[in-house]
Amino acid sequence: MDRLWAPWRMEYLTQPPAPGCIFCAQGDDRELLIIHRTPLARVMLNRYPYCNGHLLVSLHRHSAELNELSGEEMQELFRTVALCKEVLARASSPDGFNIGLNLGKAAGAGVVDHLHLHVVPRWNGDSNFMSVTADLRVLPEALLTTYDRLLPFFRETEGA
């Protein structure tokens, strides 16, 4: 019998959520998985991704409501989402993308009080029998490997 080992998932399954907001946390960007910053927004890798390269885009300002965002914040948020799509397209050549918001716990938001968008690269065939029968995702690349692979692509855009 083959075994699929994913010991890093144990942290997600057994530890209570960290106090505070993951999108407001301060510290080392690499440890926090923050891969890019703009004056108003940040991009971070999802610690529990749906697919490799699953990015989260949030504003620095803590807000859960779309109608609380200024026009400048709204533009920055979606400009950053477009940048993420561009970077992922160049770095990973996905066949498509899921981009969206989960507003509220009932909608699937894991962090309900800080609005954020998901940018998920998708490949034909990335949903296989493991997802369908075992409610399990197989991720072929470690998080920090993905971080290190994507970082140069984001850095290229910083001077542009």
C-alpha atoms as a PDB file:
ATOM      1  CA  MET A   1       0.000   0.000   0.000  1.00  0.00           C
ATOM      2  CA  ASP A   2       1.273   3.477  -0.892  1.00  0.00           C
ATOM      3  CA  ARG A   3       1.255   6.208   1.716  1.00  0.00           C
ATOM      4  CA  LEU A   4       0.958   9.929   1.291  1.00  0.00           C
ATOM      5  CA  TRP A   5       2.867  11.703   4.057  1.00  0.00           C
ATOM      6  CA  ALA A   6       1.920  15.281   4.845  1.00  0.00           C
ATOM      7  CA  PRO A   7       3.169  15.891   8.403  1.00  0.00           C
ATOM      8  CA  TRP A   8       2.987  19.677   8.085  1.00  0.00           C
ATOM      9  CA  ARG A   9      -0.820  19.391   8.009  1.00  0.00           C
ATOM     10  CA  MET A  10      -0.790  18.256  11.651  1.00  0.00           C
ATOM     11  CA  GLU A  11      -0.103  21.858  12.730  1.00  0.00           C
ATOM     12  CA  TYR A  12      -3.266  22.981  10.944  1.00  0.00           C
ATOM     13  CA  LEU A  13      -5.319  20.150  12.420  1.00  0.00           C
ATOM     14  CA  THR A  14      -4.172  20.351  16.044  1.00  0.00           C
ATOM     15  CA  GLN A  15      -3.175  23.924  16.889  1.00  0.00           C
ATOM     16  CA  PRO A  16      -5.669  26.602  17.822  1.00  0.00           C
ATOM     17  CA  PRO A  17      -5.626  29.649  15.562  1.00  0.00           C
ATOM     18  CA  ALA A  18      -2.877  32.135  16.318  1.00  0.00           C
ATOM     19  CA  PRO A  19      -4.050  35.217  18.179  1.00  0.00           C
ATOM     20  CA  GLY A  20      -4.452  38.365  16.151  1.00  0.00           C
ATOM     21  CA  CYS A  21      -4.912  38.841  12.462  1.00  0.00           C
ATOM     22  CA  ILE A  22      -2.612  37.042  10.003  1.00  0.00           C
ATOM     23  CA  PHE A  23      -2.922  39.983   7.613  1.00  0.00           C
ATOM     24  CA  CYS A  24      -1.835  42.514  10.260  1.00  0.00           C
ATOM     25  CA  ALA A  25       1.024  40.421  11.694  1.00  0.00           C
ATOM     26  CA  GLN A  26       4.444  42.049  11.863  1.00  0.00           C
ATOM     27  CA  GLY A  27       7.769  40.275  11.560  1.00  0.00           C
ATOM     28  CA  ASP A  28       9.967  38.605   8.983  1.00  0.00           C
ATOM     29  CA  ASP A  29       8.230  38.623   5.592  1.00  0.00           C
ATOM     30  CA  ARG A  30       9.521  35.160   4.656  1.00  0.00           C
ATOM     31  CA  GLU A  31       8.322  33.624   7.932  1.00  0.00           C
ATOM     32  CA  LEU A  32       4.951  35.321   7.470  1.00  0.00           C
ATOM     33  CA  LEU A  33       4.930  34.228   3.784  1.00  0.00           C
ATOM     34  CA  ILE A  34       4.528  37.856   2.661  1.00  0.00           C
ATOM     35  CA  ILE A  35       5.984  37.904  -0.822  1.00  0.00           C
ATOM     36  CA  HIS A  36       5.127  41.419  -2.026  1.00  0.00           C
ATOM     37  CA  ARG A  37       4.073  44.779  -0.603  1.00  0.00           C
ATOM     38  CA  THR A  38       2.627  47.880  -2.178  1.00  0.00           C
ATOM     39  CA  PRO A  39       1.889  51.155  -0.371  1.00  0.00           C
ATOM     40  CA  LEU A  40      -1.640  49.940   0.508  1.00  0.00           C
ATOM     41  CA  ALA A  41      -1.629  46.158   0.056  1.00  0.00           C
ATOM     42  CA  ARG A  42       0.304  42.982   0.653  1.00  0.00           C
ATOM     43  CA  VAL A  43       0.525  39.590  -1.036  1.00  0.00           C
ATOM     44  CA  MET A  44       1.157  36.431   0.925  1.00  0.00           C
ATOM     45  CA  LEU A  45       1.153  32.741   0.218  1.00  0.00           C
ATOM     46  CA  ASN A  46      -1.760  30.857   1.720  1.00  0.00           C
ATOM     47  CA  ARG A  47      -0.270  28.695   4.501  1.00  0.00           C
ATOM     48  CA  TYR A  48      -2.896  26.013   3.749  1.00  0.00           C
ATOM     49  CA  PRO A  49      -3.196  26.317  -0.040  1.00  0.00           C
ATOM     50  CA  TYR A  50      -5.683  24.783  -2.391  1.00  0.00           C
ATOM     51  CA  CYS A  51      -2.951  24.573  -5.056  1.00  0.00           C
ATOM     52  CA  ASN A  52       0.727  25.523  -5.167  1.00  0.00           C
ATOM     53  CA  GLY A  53       0.993  29.268  -5.686  1.00  0.00           C
ATOM     54  CA  HIS A  54      -2.303  30.060  -3.895  1.00  0.00           C
ATOM     55  CA  LEU A  55      -1.906  33.750  -3.010  1.00  0.00           C
ATOM     56  CA  LEU A  56      -3.832  36.017  -0.656  1.00  0.00           C
ATOM     57  CA  VAL A  57      -4.110  39.752  -1.325  1.00  0.00           C
ATOM     58  CA  SER A  58      -5.153  42.097   1.475  1.00  0.00           C
ATOM     59  CA  LEU A  59      -4.963  45.747   2.346  1.00  0.00           C
ATOM     60  CA  HIS A  60      -2.684  46.839   5.171  1.00  0.00           C
ATOM     61  CA  ARG A  61      -5.689  48.557   6.756  1.00  0.00           C
ATOM     62  CA  HIS A  62      -7.800  46.163   8.785  1.00  0.00           C
ATOM     63  CA  SER A  63     -11.328  46.095   7.347  1.00  0.00           C
ATOM     64  CA  ALA A  64     -13.865  43.382   6.646  1.00  0.00           C
ATOM     65  CA  GLU A  65     -16.255  45.390   4.496  1.00  0.00           C
ATOM     66  CA  LEU A  66     -16.027  46.208   0.805  1.00  0.00           C
ATOM     67  CA  ASN A  67     -18.119  49.340   1.298  1.00  0.00           C
ATOM     68  CA  GLU A  68     -15.540  50.690   3.800  1.00  0.00           C
ATOM     69  CA  LEU A  69     -12.773  50.766   1.170  1.00  0.00           C
ATOM     70  CA  SER A  70     -11.767  54.009  -0.466  1.00  0.00           C
ATOM     71  CA  GLY A  71     -11.571  54.214  -4.238  1.00  0.00           C
ATOM     72  CA  GLU A  72      -7.772  54.247  -3.968  1.00  0.00           C
ATOM     73  CA  GLU A  73      -7.800  51.110  -1.786  1.00  0.00           C
ATOM     74  CA  MET A  74     -10.171  49.327  -4.165  1.00  0.00           C
ATOM     75  CA  GLN A  75      -7.939  50.158  -7.137  1.00  0.00           C
ATOM     76  CA  GLU A  76      -4.802  49.060  -5.282  1.00  0.00           C
ATOM     77  CA  LEU A  77      -6.429  45.801  -4.205  1.00  0.00           C
ATOM     78  CA  PHE A  78      -7.484  44.838  -7.729  1.00  0.00           C
ATOM     79  CA  ARG A  79      -4.288  46.176  -9.317  1.00  0.00           C
ATOM     80  CA  THR A  80      -2.383  43.862  -6.946  1.00  0.00           C
ATOM     81  CA  VAL A  81      -4.659  40.925  -7.835  1.00  0.00           C
ATOM     82  CA  ALA A  82      -3.902  41.561 -11.527  1.00  0.00           C
ATOM     83  CA  LEU A  83      -0.180  41.629 -10.716  1.00  0.00           C
ATOM     84  CA  CYS A  84      -0.484  38.289  -8.904  1.00  0.00           C
ATOM     85  CA  LYS A  85      -2.214  36.753 -11.908  1.00  0.00           C
ATOM     86  CA  GLU A  86       0.547  38.072 -14.190  1.00  0.00           C
ATOM     87  CA  VAL A  87       3.333  36.763 -11.928  1.00  0.00           C
ATOM     88  CA  LEU A  88       1.726  33.345 -11.535  1.00  0.00           C
ATOM     89  CA  ALA A  89       1.129  33.089 -15.287  1.00  0.00           C
ATOM     90  CA  ARG A  90       4.810  33.801 -15.989  1.00  0.00           C
ATOM     91  CA  ALA A  91       6.180  31.668 -13.131  1.00  0.00           C
ATOM     92  CA  SER A  92       3.883  28.651 -13.308  1.00  0.00           C
ATOM     93  CA  SER A  93       2.026  28.577 -16.664  1.00  0.00           C
ATOM     94  CA  PRO A  94      -1.341  27.577 -15.204  1.00  0.00           C
ATOM     95  CA  ASP A  95      -4.276  26.753 -17.471  1.00  0.00           C
ATOM     96  CA  GLY A  96      -6.598  29.089 -15.565  1.00  0.00           C
ATOM     97  CA  PHE A  97      -7.257  30.922 -12.306  1.00  0.00           C
ATOM     98  CA  ASN A  98      -9.804  31.093  -9.520  1.00  0.00           C
ATOM     99  CA  ILE A  99      -9.914  34.635  -8.120  1.00  0.00           C
ATOM    100  CA  GLY A 100     -12.381  35.574  -5.446  1.00  0.00           C
ATOM    101  CA  LEU A 101     -13.578  36.723  -2.043  1.00  0.00           C
ATOM    102  CA  ASN A 102     -15.158  34.718   0.745  1.00  0.00           C
ATOM    103  CA  LEU A 103     -17.167  37.264   2.741  1.00  0.00           C
ATOM    104  CA  GLY A 104     -18.316  35.878   6.094  1.00  0.00           C
ATOM    105  CA  LYS A 105     -17.962  32.531   7.807  1.00  0.00           C
ATOM    106  CA  ALA A 106     -20.971  31.077   5.974  1.00  0.00           C
ATOM    107  CA  ALA A 107     -19.208  31.874   2.670  1.00  0.00           C
ATOM    108  CA  GLY A 108     -16.084  29.976   3.732  1.00  0.00           C
ATOM    109  CA  ALA A 109     -13.932  32.825   5.028  1.00  0.00           C
ATOM    110  CA  GLY A 110     -11.229  31.501   7.338  1.00  0.00           C
ATOM    111  CA  VAL A 111     -10.389  35.062   8.401  1.00  0.00           C
ATOM    112  CA  VAL A 112     -13.697  36.894   8.580  1.00  0.00           C
ATOM    113  CA  ASP A 113     -12.603  40.284   9.904  1.00  0.00           C
ATOM    114  CA  HIS A 114      -9.916  41.236   7.344  1.00  0.00           C
ATOM    115  CA  LEU A 115     -11.044  41.342   3.729  1.00  0.00           C
ATOM    116  CA  HIS A 116      -8.735  39.445   1.371  1.00  0.00           C
ATOM    117  CA  LEU A 117      -8.847  38.007  -2.117  1.00  0.00           C
ATOM    118  CA  HIS A 118      -7.660  34.581  -3.199  1.00  0.00           C
ATOM    119  CA  VAL A 119      -5.658  34.152  -6.401  1.00  0.00           C
ATOM    120  CA  VAL A 120      -5.420  30.434  -7.157  1.00  0.00           C
ATOM    121  CA  PRO A 121      -3.611  29.096 -10.219  1.00  0.00           C
ATOM    122  CA  ARG A 122      -5.315  26.054 -11.741  1.00  0.00           C
ATOM    123  CA  TRP A 123      -4.141  23.353 -14.115  1.00  0.00           C
ATOM    124  CA  ASN A 124      -6.164  20.962 -16.198  1.00  0.00           C
ATOM    125  CA  GLY A 125      -6.370  17.765 -14.179  1.00  0.00           C
ATOM    126  CA  ASP A 126      -5.286  19.308 -10.840  1.00  0.00           C
ATOM    127  CA  SER A 127      -8.435  17.980  -9.199  1.00  0.00           C
ATOM    128  CA  ASN A 128      -7.937  14.217  -9.084  1.00  0.00           C
ATOM    129  CA  PHE A 129      -9.317  11.248  -7.194  1.00  0.00           C
ATOM    130  CA  MET A 130      -7.629  12.389  -3.959  1.00  0.00           C
ATOM    131  CA  SER A 131      -9.711  15.571  -3.931  1.00  0.00           C
ATOM    132  CA  VAL A 132     -12.903  13.820  -4.958  1.00  0.00           C
ATOM    133  CA  THR A 133     -12.795  10.715  -2.767  1.00  0.00           C
ATOM    134  CA  ALA A 134     -10.587  11.669   0.183  1.00  0.00           C
ATOM    135  CA  ASP A 135     -11.207  15.424   0.469  1.00  0.00           C
ATOM    136  CA  LEU A 136      -7.421  15.777   0.275  1.00  0.00           C
ATOM    137  CA  ARG A 137      -5.155  17.921  -1.898  1.00  0.00           C
ATOM    138  CA  VAL A 138      -1.750  16.766  -3.082  1.00  0.00           C
ATOM    139  CA  LEU A 139       0.679  19.697  -3.259  1.00  0.00           C
ATOM    140  CA  PRO A 140       3.911  18.792  -5.040  1.00  0.00           C
ATOM    141  CA  GLU A 141       5.933  21.820  -3.881  1.00  0.00           C
ATOM    142  CA  ALA A 142       6.792  22.953  -0.322  1.00  0.00           C
ATOM    143  CA  LEU A 143       5.583  26.430   0.686  1.00  0.00           C
ATOM    144  CA  LEU A 144       9.004  28.037   1.066  1.00  0.00           C
ATOM    145  CA  THR A 145      10.099  26.519  -2.250  1.00  0.00           C
ATOM    146  CA  THR A 146       7.097  28.204  -3.873  1.00  0.00           C
ATOM    147  CA  TYR A 147       7.966  31.441  -2.050  1.00  0.00           C
ATOM    148  CA  ASP A 148      11.571  31.343  -3.289  1.00  0.00           C
ATOM    149  CA  ARG A 149      10.451  30.512  -6.833  1.00  0.00           C
ATOM    150  CA  LEU A 150       7.899  33.349  -7.045  1.00  0.00           C
ATOM    151  CA  LEU A 151       9.896  36.046  -5.228  1.00  0.00           C
ATOM    152  CA  PRO A 152      12.147  36.996  -8.183  1.00  0.00           C
ATOM    153  CA  PHE A 153       9.072  37.492 -10.382  1.00  0.00           C
ATOM    154  CA  PHE A 154       7.573  39.935  -7.864  1.00  0.00           C
ATOM    155  CA  ARG A 155      10.915  41.710  -7.455  1.00  0.00           C
ATOM    156  CA  GLU A 156      11.081  42.255 -11.238  1.00  0.00           C
ATOM    157  CA  THR A 157       7.839  44.245 -11.004  1.00  0.00           C
ATOM    158  CA  GLU A 158       8.961  46.516  -8.147  1.00  0.00           C
ATOM    159  CA  GLY A 159      11.013  48.797 -10.380  1.00  0.00           C
ATOM    160  CA  ALA A 160       8.417  48.934 -13.126  1.00  0.00           C
END
